[in-house]
Amino acid sequence: MKRILIPTDFSENAWNAISYAVQLFSEDTCQFFLLNTYTPVIPSSRFMAPIIDGVRIEDAIRCNSETGLMNTVERIKATFNNEKHSFETISSFNLLVDEVKDVVDAHKINLIVTGTKGASGMDEVFMGSNTVRIIKSTKKCPVLAIPQHFDFSAPAEIAFATDFNRFYTVSELSPLVEMAKSFNATIRIVHVQYEIKALTELQQFNLNMLRKYFTDVEHYVHTVSELNSVSQTLEVFSEELDIHLLAMLNYQHSYMERMTREPIVKRTAFHTQIPLLVIPELGMEVHTKQDPQQELMHTQS
């Protein structure tokens, strides 16, 4: 059974992320955890009343949170009515990112689904929204970010952006492979280069390993020249090939990190309207395996 965490602030943006997740996993047995965090306003002066109409402000905010979660569950059941899905609500007086980490640990969450706001939703991710904070702090499960106005479409075409400079493990890629198999999707491995040149021996080795991992799914390799930025290049690639989902691994010097560090003037052109699956680096497992450079030397000896 999949265990999926969806933070919500009861906005239509958050509802769209919930709607996408419920439809994406309509054929799977899932337990959804709907999370709302709140931080009661602390009076800035002694003249601000902690009680209004006989109700403590903290109690009122907690009640609104719990009521909002209950109404959201009722809306989900009324809209989708899927017997394979169950729902648990979590109302917490805590900072969102801190509570997300706690819930992931306590409930062994497999996936976090969250929404991004506005026509330039991914810009906001890279410019310090809650979504990017969740992505940067989450080390134990993937994060799926859904643009605000994205209507659900089964992911028949999935892009996996990589520079082949890092050795990927089976566990790191399993969420991507599992999704591709579930929807009989094609994975398009996209490599962005500032100038097109031959792969190094290490890059070629990592590409060959990727092909082995993707043996059971249809996949192709695309090498593209970088345009104004990595983000814009991936956007154009996604539009031209009608990509339904963009996936990246999040590690040091990855495309994901490069995109978050791009100058704002370059990021403002990135208005992708497709979901982004960010897979965390599983550092512990990497260290328990044979070093890829040593393995490369072994295969050549």
C-alpha atoms as a PDB file:
ATOM      1  CA  MET A   1       0.000   0.000   0.000  1.00  0.00           C
ATOM      2  CA  LYS A   2       1.302   3.426  -0.951  1.00  0.00           C
ATOM      3  CA  ARG A   3       1.501   6.035   1.802  1.00  0.00           C
ATOM      4  CA  ILE A   4       1.212   9.528   0.337  1.00  0.00           C
ATOM      5  CA  LEU A   5       1.531  12.842   2.162  1.00  0.00           C
ATOM      6  CA  ILE A   6      -0.231  15.922   0.769  1.00  0.00           C
ATOM      7  CA  PRO A   7       0.211  19.258   2.567  1.00  0.00           C
ATOM      8  CA  THR A   8      -2.775  21.578   2.077  1.00  0.00           C
ATOM      9  CA  ASP A   9      -3.699  25.151   2.909  1.00  0.00           C
ATOM     10  CA  PHE A  10      -7.249  24.593   1.558  1.00  0.00           C
ATOM     11  CA  SER A  11      -6.588  26.681  -1.561  1.00  0.00           C
ATOM     12  CA  GLU A  12      -7.626  25.601  -5.055  1.00  0.00           C
ATOM     13  CA  ASN A  13      -3.933  25.189  -5.788  1.00  0.00           C
ATOM     14  CA  ALA A  14      -3.699  22.604  -3.006  1.00  0.00           C
ATOM     15  CA  TRP A  15      -6.924  20.949  -4.173  1.00  0.00           C
ATOM     16  CA  ASN A  16      -5.479  20.572  -7.665  1.00  0.00           C
ATOM     17  CA  ALA A  17      -2.494  18.686  -6.222  1.00  0.00           C
ATOM     18  CA  ILE A  18      -4.860  16.430  -4.250  1.00  0.00           C
ATOM     19  CA  SER A  19      -6.996  15.828  -7.341  1.00  0.00           C
ATOM     20  CA  TYR A  20      -3.926  14.925  -9.414  1.00  0.00           C
ATOM     21  CA  ALA A  21      -2.620  12.482  -6.814  1.00  0.00           C
ATOM     22  CA  VAL A  22      -5.959  10.739  -6.357  1.00  0.00           C
ATOM     23  CA  GLN A  23      -6.322  10.281 -10.120  1.00  0.00           C
ATOM     24  CA  LEU A  24      -2.686   9.290 -10.645  1.00  0.00           C
ATOM     25  CA  PHE A  25      -3.031   6.433  -8.156  1.00  0.00           C
ATOM     26  CA  SER A  26      -6.657   5.548  -8.879  1.00  0.00           C
ATOM     27  CA  GLU A  27      -5.730   1.881  -9.464  1.00  0.00           C
ATOM     28  CA  ASP A  28      -3.518   1.570  -6.381  1.00  0.00           C
ATOM     29  CA  THR A  29      -4.385   0.918  -2.759  1.00  0.00           C
ATOM     30  CA  CYS A  30      -3.273   4.100  -1.007  1.00  0.00           C
ATOM     31  CA  GLN A  31      -3.390   5.771   2.356  1.00  0.00           C
ATOM     32  CA  PHE A  32      -3.352   9.545   1.975  1.00  0.00           C
ATOM     33  CA  PHE A  33      -2.211  11.779   4.802  1.00  0.00           C
ATOM     34  CA  LEU A  34      -3.627  15.298   4.471  1.00  0.00           C
ATOM     35  CA  LEU A  35      -1.549  17.779   6.453  1.00  0.00           C
ATOM     36  CA  ASN A  36      -2.393  21.314   7.505  1.00  0.00           C
ATOM     37  CA  THR A  37      -0.031  23.273   9.729  1.00  0.00           C
ATOM     38  CA  TYR A  38      -0.845  26.476  11.531  1.00  0.00           C
ATOM     39  CA  THR A  39       1.077  28.974  13.620  1.00  0.00           C
ATOM     40  CA  PRO A  40      -1.251  31.192  15.687  1.00  0.00           C
ATOM     41  CA  VAL A  41      -0.524  34.877  15.485  1.00  0.00           C
ATOM     42  CA  ILE A  42       1.449  36.056  18.494  1.00  0.00           C
ATOM     43  CA  PRO A  43       0.099  39.402  19.777  1.00  0.00           C
ATOM     44  CA  SER A  44       2.551  42.139  18.859  1.00  0.00           C
ATOM     45  CA  SER A  45       1.472  44.318  21.766  1.00  0.00           C
ATOM     46  CA  ARG A  46      -0.397  44.112  25.042  1.00  0.00           C
ATOM     47  CA  PHE A  47      -3.317  45.871  23.387  1.00  0.00           C
ATOM     48  CA  MET A  48      -4.090  42.870  21.117  1.00  0.00           C
ATOM     49  CA  ALA A  49      -6.680  40.602  22.694  1.00  0.00           C
ATOM     50  CA  PRO A  50      -5.850  36.866  22.952  1.00  0.00           C
ATOM     51  CA  ILE A  51      -9.596  36.179  23.164  1.00  0.00           C
ATOM     52  CA  ILE A  52     -12.280  37.367  20.722  1.00  0.00           C
ATOM     53  CA  ASP A  53     -15.980  36.812  21.477  1.00  0.00           C
ATOM     54  CA  GLY A  54     -15.049  34.457  24.268  1.00  0.00           C
ATOM     55  CA  VAL A  55     -12.888  32.202  22.040  1.00  0.00           C
ATOM     56  CA  ARG A  56      -9.137  31.934  22.342  1.00  0.00           C
ATOM     57  CA  ILE A  57      -7.435  32.812  19.054  1.00  0.00           C
ATOM     58  CA  GLU A  58      -5.317  29.638  19.190  1.00  0.00           C
ATOM     59  CA  ASP A  59      -8.397  27.465  19.667  1.00  0.00           C
ATOM     60  CA  ALA A  60     -10.176  29.165  16.768  1.00  0.00           C
ATOM     61  CA  ILE A  61      -7.234  28.628  14.414  1.00  0.00           C
ATOM     62  CA  ARG A  62      -6.909  24.968  15.415  1.00  0.00           C
ATOM     63  CA  CYS A  63     -10.649  24.475  14.900  1.00  0.00           C
ATOM     64  CA  ASN A  64     -10.450  26.057  11.427  1.00  0.00           C
ATOM     65  CA  SER A  65      -7.584  23.717  10.544  1.00  0.00           C
ATOM     66  CA  GLU A  66      -9.418  20.587  11.688  1.00  0.00           C
ATOM     67  CA  THR A  67     -12.663  21.660  10.007  1.00  0.00           C
ATOM     68  CA  GLY A  68     -10.842  22.439   6.769  1.00  0.00           C
ATOM     69  CA  LEU A  69      -9.254  18.988   6.717  1.00  0.00           C
ATOM     70  CA  MET A  70     -12.580  17.283   7.392  1.00  0.00           C
ATOM     71  CA  ASN A  71     -14.244  19.250   4.584  1.00  0.00           C
ATOM     72  CA  THR A  72     -11.394  18.357   2.215  1.00  0.00           C
ATOM     73  CA  VAL A  73     -11.810  14.629   2.883  1.00  0.00           C
ATOM     74  CA  GLU A  74     -15.562  14.934   2.286  1.00  0.00           C
ATOM     75  CA  ARG A  75     -14.908  16.747  -0.994  1.00  0.00           C
ATOM     76  CA  ILE A  76     -12.467  14.037  -2.138  1.00  0.00           C
ATOM     77  CA  LYS A  77     -14.934  11.247  -1.372  1.00  0.00           C
ATOM     78  CA  ALA A  78     -17.795  13.077  -3.038  1.00  0.00           C
ATOM     79  CA  THR A  79     -15.707  13.762  -6.167  1.00  0.00           C
ATOM     80  CA  PHE A  80     -13.819  10.482  -6.626  1.00  0.00           C
ATOM     81  CA  ASN A  81     -15.346   7.842  -4.310  1.00  0.00           C
ATOM     82  CA  ASN A  82     -12.487   5.345  -4.644  1.00  0.00           C
ATOM     83  CA  GLU A  83     -12.747   2.402  -2.245  1.00  0.00           C
ATOM     84  CA  LYS A  84      -9.022   1.720  -2.653  1.00  0.00           C
ATOM     85  CA  HIS A  85      -8.169   5.027  -0.990  1.00  0.00           C
ATOM     86  CA  SER A  86      -8.244   5.870   2.706  1.00  0.00           C
ATOM     87  CA  PHE A  87      -7.527   9.219   4.337  1.00  0.00           C
ATOM     88  CA  GLU A  88      -5.974  10.392   7.565  1.00  0.00           C
ATOM     89  CA  THR A  89      -5.883  14.051   8.572  1.00  0.00           C
ATOM     90  CA  ILE A  90      -3.104  15.761  10.508  1.00  0.00           C
ATOM     91  CA  SER A  91      -3.599  19.228  11.993  1.00  0.00           C
ATOM     92  CA  SER A  92      -0.402  20.509  13.565  1.00  0.00           C
ATOM     93  CA  PHE A  93       0.803  23.630  15.346  1.00  0.00           C
ATOM     94  CA  ASN A  94       4.209  23.579  13.694  1.00  0.00           C
ATOM     95  CA  LEU A  95       6.250  24.931  10.804  1.00  0.00           C
ATOM     96  CA  LEU A  96       5.335  23.154   7.563  1.00  0.00           C
ATOM     97  CA  VAL A  97       8.784  21.793   6.652  1.00  0.00           C
ATOM     98  CA  ASP A  98       9.456  20.550  10.181  1.00  0.00           C
ATOM     99  CA  GLU A  99       6.092  18.791  10.348  1.00  0.00           C
ATOM    100  CA  VAL A 100       6.556  17.232   6.905  1.00  0.00           C
ATOM    101  CA  LYS A 101       9.846  15.677   8.035  1.00  0.00           C
ATOM    102  CA  ASP A 102       8.195  14.355  11.206  1.00  0.00           C
ATOM    103  CA  VAL A 103       5.249  12.858   9.316  1.00  0.00           C
ATOM    104  CA  VAL A 104       7.527  11.223   6.723  1.00  0.00           C
ATOM    105  CA  ASP A 105       9.424   9.503   9.530  1.00  0.00           C
ATOM    106  CA  ALA A 106       6.429   8.600  11.695  1.00  0.00           C
ATOM    107  CA  HIS A 107       4.258   7.176   8.904  1.00  0.00           C
ATOM    108  CA  LYS A 108       6.940   5.865   6.512  1.00  0.00           C
ATOM    109  CA  ILE A 109       5.688   8.057   3.683  1.00  0.00           C
ATOM    110  CA  ASN A 110       6.490   6.887   0.119  1.00  0.00           C
ATOM    111  CA  LEU A 111       5.711  10.128  -1.706  1.00  0.00           C
ATOM    112  CA  ILE A 112       4.951  13.779  -0.986  1.00  0.00           C
ATOM    113  CA  VAL A 113       2.601  15.585  -3.391  1.00  0.00           C
ATOM    114  CA  THR A 114       2.408  19.370  -3.271  1.00  0.00           C
ATOM    115  CA  GLY A 115       1.187  22.199  -5.448  1.00  0.00           C
ATOM    116  CA  THR A 116       3.036  25.142  -7.004  1.00  0.00           C
ATOM    117  CA  LYS A 117       1.382  28.503  -7.492  1.00  0.00           C
ATOM    118  CA  GLY A 118       0.807  30.771 -10.437  1.00  0.00           C
ATOM    119  CA  ALA A 119       1.482  30.673 -14.165  1.00  0.00           C
ATOM    120  CA  SER A 120       5.204  30.572 -13.366  1.00  0.00           C
ATOM    121  CA  GLY A 121       4.800  27.933 -10.719  1.00  0.00           C
ATOM    122  CA  MET A 122       8.259  26.446 -11.054  1.00  0.00           C
ATOM    123  CA  ASP A 123       9.791  29.908 -10.788  1.00  0.00           C
ATOM    124  CA  GLU A 124       8.201  30.149  -7.383  1.00  0.00           C
ATOM    125  CA  VAL A 125       9.589  26.743  -6.451  1.00  0.00           C
ATOM    126  CA  PHE A 126      13.102  27.923  -7.253  1.00  0.00           C
ATOM    127  CA  MET A 127      12.616  31.307  -5.615  1.00  0.00           C
ATOM    128  CA  GLY A 128      12.039  30.014  -2.110  1.00  0.00           C
ATOM    129  CA  SER A 129       8.474  28.745  -1.791  1.00  0.00           C
ATOM    130  CA  ASN A 130       7.379  26.073   0.669  1.00  0.00           C
ATOM    131  CA  THR A 131       7.721  23.535  -2.129  1.00  0.00           C
ATOM    132  CA  VAL A 132      11.428  24.079  -2.613  1.00  0.00           C
ATOM    133  CA  ARG A 133      11.958  24.021   1.139  1.00  0.00           C
ATOM    134  CA  ILE A 134      10.249  20.651   1.250  1.00  0.00           C
ATOM    135  CA  ILE A 135      12.331  19.413  -1.702  1.00  0.00           C
ATOM    136  CA  LYS A 136      15.589  20.530  -0.122  1.00  0.00           C
ATOM    137  CA  SER A 137      14.803  19.095   3.319  1.00  0.00           C
ATOM    138  CA  THR A 138      13.260  15.773   2.234  1.00  0.00           C
ATOM    139  CA  LYS A 139      15.855  12.997   2.084  1.00  0.00           C
ATOM    140  CA  LYS A 140      13.738   9.847   2.399  1.00  0.00           C
ATOM    141  CA  CYS A 141      11.082   9.977  -0.336  1.00  0.00           C
ATOM    142  CA  PRO A 142      10.355  11.713  -3.664  1.00  0.00           C
ATOM    143  CA  VAL A 143       8.434  14.977  -3.948  1.00  0.00           C
ATOM    144  CA  LEU A 144       5.914  15.458  -6.767  1.00  0.00           C
ATOM    145  CA  ALA A 145       5.154  19.140  -7.462  1.00  0.00           C
ATOM    146  CA  ILE A 146       1.967  19.895  -9.406  1.00  0.00           C
ATOM    147  CA  PRO A 147       1.508  23.237 -11.240  1.00  0.00           C
ATOM    148  CA  GLN A 148      -1.579  25.147 -10.165  1.00  0.00           C
ATOM    149  CA  HIS A 149      -3.546  24.914 -13.414  1.00  0.00           C
ATOM    150  CA  PHE A 150      -2.379  21.502 -14.602  1.00  0.00           C
ATOM    151  CA  ASP A 151      -5.241  19.172 -15.535  1.00  0.00           C
ATOM    152  CA  PHE A 152      -4.541  15.514 -14.886  1.00  0.00           C
ATOM    153  CA  SER A 153      -3.172  13.549 -17.801  1.00  0.00           C
ATOM    154  CA  ALA A 154      -1.774  10.035 -17.506  1.00  0.00           C
ATOM    155  CA  PRO A 155       2.040  10.344 -17.824  1.00  0.00           C
ATOM    156  CA  ALA A 156       2.654   8.528 -21.106  1.00  0.00           C
ATOM    157  CA  GLU A 157       5.837  10.508 -21.793  1.00  0.00           C
ATOM    158  CA  ILE A 158       8.322  11.009 -18.932  1.00  0.00           C
ATOM    159  CA  ALA A 159      11.551  12.994 -19.208  1.00  0.00           C
ATOM    160  CA  PHE A 160      14.461  12.127 -16.934  1.00  0.00           C
ATOM    161  CA  ALA A 161      17.080  14.888 -16.952  1.00  0.00           C
ATOM    162  CA  THR A 162      20.661  13.852 -16.165  1.00  0.00           C
ATOM    163  CA  ASP A 163      24.241  14.725 -17.067  1.00  0.00           C
ATOM    164  CA  PHE A 164      25.503  11.134 -16.556  1.00  0.00           C
ATOM    165  CA  ASN A 165      28.149  12.371 -14.115  1.00  0.00           C
ATOM    166  CA  ARG A 166      26.709  10.458 -11.192  1.00  0.00           C
ATOM    167  CA  PHE A 167      26.143   6.747 -10.609  1.00  0.00           C
ATOM    168  CA  TYR A 168      22.473   6.090  -9.819  1.00  0.00           C
ATOM    169  CA  THR A 169      21.307   3.228  -7.636  1.00  0.00           C
ATOM    170  CA  VAL A 170      18.364   0.919  -8.262  1.00  0.00           C
ATOM    171  CA  SER A 171      16.515   2.281  -5.233  1.00  0.00           C
ATOM    172  CA  GLU A 172      16.912   5.876  -6.368  1.00  0.00           C
ATOM    173  CA  LEU A 173      15.427   5.134  -9.772  1.00  0.00           C
ATOM    174  CA  SER A 174      12.722   2.711  -8.626  1.00  0.00           C
ATOM    175  CA  PRO A 175      10.010   5.433  -8.226  1.00  0.00           C
ATOM    176  CA  LEU A 176      10.593   6.478 -11.831  1.00  0.00           C
ATOM    177  CA  VAL A 177      10.651   2.927 -13.197  1.00  0.00           C
ATOM    178  CA  GLU A 178       7.561   1.999 -11.198  1.00  0.00           C
ATOM    179  CA  MET A 179       5.608   4.951 -12.562  1.00  0.00           C
ATOM    180  CA  ALA A 180       6.686   4.219 -16.135  1.00  0.00           C
ATOM    181  CA  LYS A 181       5.559   0.607 -15.812  1.00  0.00           C
ATOM    182  CA  SER A 182       2.234   1.591 -14.219  1.00  0.00           C
ATOM    183  CA  PHE A 183       1.307   3.823 -17.162  1.00  0.00           C
ATOM    184  CA  ASN A 184       3.193   1.974 -19.905  1.00  0.00           C
ATOM    185  CA  ALA A 185       5.102   5.220 -20.365  1.00  0.00           C
ATOM    186  CA  THR A 186       8.171   6.049 -22.407  1.00  0.00           C
ATOM    187  CA  ILE A 187      11.164   7.440 -20.504  1.00  0.00           C
ATOM    188  CA  ARG A 188      13.163  10.021 -22.423  1.00  0.00           C
ATOM    189  CA  ILE A 189      16.611  10.459 -20.894  1.00  0.00           C
ATOM    190  CA  VAL A 190      17.598  14.040 -21.675  1.00  0.00           C
ATOM    191  CA  HIS A 191      21.185  15.265 -21.408  1.00  0.00           C
ATOM    192  CA  VAL A 192      21.721  19.028 -21.635  1.00  0.00           C
ATOM    193  CA  GLN A 193      25.157  20.138 -22.865  1.00  0.00           C
ATOM    194  CA  TYR A 194      26.567  23.640 -23.229  1.00  0.00           C
ATOM    195  CA  GLU A 195      28.338  22.315 -26.304  1.00  0.00           C
ATOM    196  CA  ILE A 196      27.753  18.907 -27.834  1.00  0.00           C
ATOM    197  CA  LYS A 197      30.713  16.615 -27.253  1.00  0.00           C
ATOM    198  CA  ALA A 198      31.410  12.937 -26.686  1.00  0.00           C
ATOM    199  CA  LEU A 199      30.683  11.452 -23.275  1.00  0.00           C
ATOM    200  CA  THR A 200      33.574  10.659 -20.984  1.00  0.00           C
ATOM    201  CA  GLU A 201      34.226   7.039 -20.053  1.00  0.00           C
ATOM    202  CA  LEU A 202      32.538   7.568 -16.691  1.00  0.00           C
ATOM    203  CA  GLN A 203      29.501   9.223 -18.301  1.00  0.00           C
ATOM    204  CA  GLN A 204      29.210   6.386 -20.807  1.00  0.00           C
ATOM    205  CA  PHE A 205      29.408   3.838 -18.002  1.00  0.00           C
ATOM    206  CA  ASN A 206      26.623   5.596 -16.079  1.00  0.00           C
ATOM    207  CA  LEU A 207      24.505   5.793 -19.238  1.00  0.00           C
ATOM    208  CA  ASN A 208      24.952   2.064 -19.790  1.00  0.00           C
ATOM    209  CA  MET A 209      23.856   1.409 -16.213  1.00  0.00           C
ATOM    210  CA  LEU A 210      20.773   3.580 -16.738  1.00  0.00           C
ATOM    211  CA  ARG A 211      19.874   1.532 -19.782  1.00  0.00           C
ATOM    212  CA  LYS A 212      20.107  -1.636 -17.677  1.00  0.00           C
ATOM    213  CA  TYR A 213      17.804  -0.153 -15.038  1.00  0.00           C
ATOM    214  CA  PHE A 214      15.316   0.820 -17.765  1.00  0.00           C
ATOM    215  CA  THR A 215      15.438  -2.557 -19.530  1.00  0.00           C
ATOM    216  CA  ASP A 216      11.761  -3.257 -18.846  1.00  0.00           C
ATOM    217  CA  VAL A 217      10.498   0.140 -20.053  1.00  0.00           C
ATOM    218  CA  GLU A 218      10.691   1.830 -23.436  1.00  0.00           C
ATOM    219  CA  HIS A 219      13.366   4.523 -23.274  1.00  0.00           C
ATOM    220  CA  TYR A 220      15.377   6.824 -25.511  1.00  0.00           C
ATOM    221  CA  VAL A 221      18.399   9.076 -25.011  1.00  0.00           C
ATOM    222  CA  HIS A 222      18.295  12.709 -26.163  1.00  0.00           C
ATOM    223  CA  THR A 223      21.327  15.011 -26.105  1.00  0.00           C
ATOM    224  CA  VAL A 224      20.339  18.664 -26.512  1.00  0.00           C
ATOM    225  CA  SER A 225      22.269  21.916 -26.664  1.00  0.00           C
ATOM    226  CA  GLU A 226      21.730  24.275 -23.753  1.00  0.00           C
ATOM    227  CA  LEU A 227      19.751  27.365 -24.683  1.00  0.00           C
ATOM    228  CA  ASN A 228      19.607  30.352 -22.366  1.00  0.00           C
ATOM    229  CA  SER A 229      19.675  28.097 -19.309  1.00  0.00           C
ATOM    230  CA  VAL A 230      19.123  24.506 -18.216  1.00  0.00           C
ATOM    231  CA  SER A 231      15.594  25.369 -17.075  1.00  0.00           C
ATOM    232  CA  GLN A 232      14.613  26.911 -20.404  1.00  0.00           C
ATOM    233  CA  THR A 233      16.203  24.037 -22.318  1.00  0.00           C
ATOM    234  CA  LEU A 234      14.173  21.465 -20.381  1.00  0.00           C
ATOM    235  CA  GLU A 235      11.024  23.523 -20.857  1.00  0.00           C
ATOM    236  CA  VAL A 236      11.454  23.657 -24.629  1.00  0.00           C
ATOM    237  CA  PHE A 237      12.307  19.954 -24.742  1.00  0.00           C
ATOM    238  CA  SER A 238       9.168  19.124 -22.732  1.00  0.00           C
ATOM    239  CA  GLU A 239       6.957  21.205 -24.987  1.00  0.00           C
ATOM    240  CA  GLU A 240       8.341  19.784 -28.223  1.00  0.00           C
ATOM    241  CA  LEU A 241       8.002  16.142 -27.138  1.00  0.00           C
ATOM    242  CA  ASP A 242       4.718  16.620 -25.247  1.00  0.00           C
ATOM    243  CA  ILE A 243       6.242  15.464 -21.957  1.00  0.00           C
ATOM    244  CA  HIS A 244       3.719  14.800 -19.157  1.00  0.00           C
ATOM    245  CA  LEU A 245       6.184  14.523 -16.265  1.00  0.00           C
ATOM    246  CA  LEU A 246       9.722  15.788 -15.692  1.00  0.00           C
ATOM    247  CA  ALA A 247      11.883  13.797 -13.261  1.00  0.00           C
ATOM    248  CA  MET A 248      15.233  14.695 -11.730  1.00  0.00           C
ATOM    249  CA  LEU A 249      17.457  13.402  -8.961  1.00  0.00           C
ATOM    250  CA  ASN A 250      18.387  15.996  -6.358  1.00  0.00           C
ATOM    251  CA  TYR A 251      22.071  15.895  -5.412  1.00  0.00           C
ATOM    252  CA  GLN A 252      25.086  18.194  -5.385  1.00  0.00           C
ATOM    253  CA  HIS A 253      25.803  19.629  -8.876  1.00  0.00           C
ATOM    254  CA  SER A 254      22.630  18.033 -10.297  1.00  0.00           C
ATOM    255  CA  TYR A 255      20.389  19.800 -12.811  1.00  0.00           C
ATOM    256  CA  MET A 256      17.974  20.436  -9.959  1.00  0.00           C
ATOM    257  CA  GLU A 257      20.623  22.249  -7.941  1.00  0.00           C
ATOM    258  CA  ARG A 258      21.879  24.128 -10.999  1.00  0.00           C
ATOM    259  CA  MET A 259      18.368  25.345 -11.751  1.00  0.00           C
ATOM    260  CA  THR A 260      17.893  26.644  -8.228  1.00  0.00           C
ATOM    261  CA  ARG A 261      21.146  28.575  -8.553  1.00  0.00           C
ATOM    262  CA  GLU A 262      20.476  30.105 -11.964  1.00  0.00           C
ATOM    263  CA  PRO A 263      20.278  33.909 -12.040  1.00  0.00           C
ATOM    264  CA  ILE A 264      16.699  35.113 -11.681  1.00  0.00           C
ATOM    265  CA  VAL A 265      16.868  36.765 -15.099  1.00  0.00           C
ATOM    266  CA  LYS A 266      17.340  33.306 -16.623  1.00  0.00           C
ATOM    267  CA  ARG A 267      14.778  31.563 -14.421  1.00  0.00           C
ATOM    268  CA  THR A 268      11.992  33.983 -15.284  1.00  0.00           C
ATOM    269  CA  ALA A 269      11.687  32.344 -18.702  1.00  0.00           C
ATOM    270  CA  PHE A 270      10.864  28.987 -17.115  1.00  0.00           C
ATOM    271  CA  HIS A 271       7.093  28.585 -17.049  1.00  0.00           C
ATOM    272  CA  THR A 272       6.715  24.827 -17.281  1.00  0.00           C
ATOM    273  CA  GLN A 273       3.218  23.566 -16.790  1.00  0.00           C
ATOM    274  CA  ILE A 274       3.976  19.903 -16.174  1.00  0.00           C
ATOM    275  CA  PRO A 275       4.490  18.052 -12.879  1.00  0.00           C
ATOM    276  CA  LEU A 276       8.021  17.747 -11.528  1.00  0.00           C
ATOM    277  CA  LEU A 277       9.160  14.586  -9.717  1.00  0.00           C
ATOM    278  CA  VAL A 278      12.211  15.244  -7.536  1.00  0.00           C
ATOM    279  CA  ILE A 279      13.932  12.117  -6.229  1.00  0.00           C
ATOM    280  CA  PRO A 280      16.268  12.543  -3.247  1.00  0.00           C
ATOM    281  CA  GLU A 281      19.789  11.215  -3.182  1.00  0.00           C
ATOM    282  CA  LEU A 282      20.098   8.023  -1.170  1.00  0.00           C
ATOM    283  CA  GLY A 283      23.631   8.661   0.007  1.00  0.00           C
ATOM    284  CA  MET A 284      23.855   5.754   2.453  1.00  0.00           C
ATOM    285  CA  GLU A 285      23.054   3.169  -0.178  1.00  0.00           C
ATOM    286  CA  VAL A 286      25.570   4.684  -2.612  1.00  0.00           C
ATOM    287  CA  HIS A 287      28.348   4.271  -0.089  1.00  0.00           C
ATOM    288  CA  THR A 288      27.514   0.627   0.535  1.00  0.00           C
ATOM    289  CA  LYS A 289      27.944  -0.222  -3.127  1.00  0.00           C
ATOM    290  CA  GLN A 290      31.127  -0.544  -5.099  1.00  0.00           C
ATOM    291  CA  ASP A 291      32.485   2.794  -6.230  1.00  0.00           C
ATOM    292  CA  PRO A 292      31.417   3.287  -9.884  1.00  0.00           C
ATOM    293  CA  GLN A 293      34.884   4.410 -10.967  1.00  0.00           C
ATOM    294  CA  GLN A 294      36.395   1.267  -9.490  1.00  0.00           C
ATOM    295  CA  GLU A 295      33.702  -0.805 -11.181  1.00  0.00           C
ATOM    296  CA  LEU A 296      34.484   0.941 -14.459  1.00  0.00           C
ATOM    297  CA  MET A 297      38.180   0.064 -14.101  1.00  0.00           C
ATOM    298  CA  HIS A 298      37.228  -3.519 -13.269  1.00  0.00           C
ATOM    299  CA  THR A 299      35.114  -3.869 -16.412  1.00  0.00           C
ATOM    300  CA  GLN A 300      38.003  -2.588 -18.532  1.00  0.00           C
ATOM    301  CA  SER A 301      40.655  -4.880 -17.031  1.00  0.00           C
END
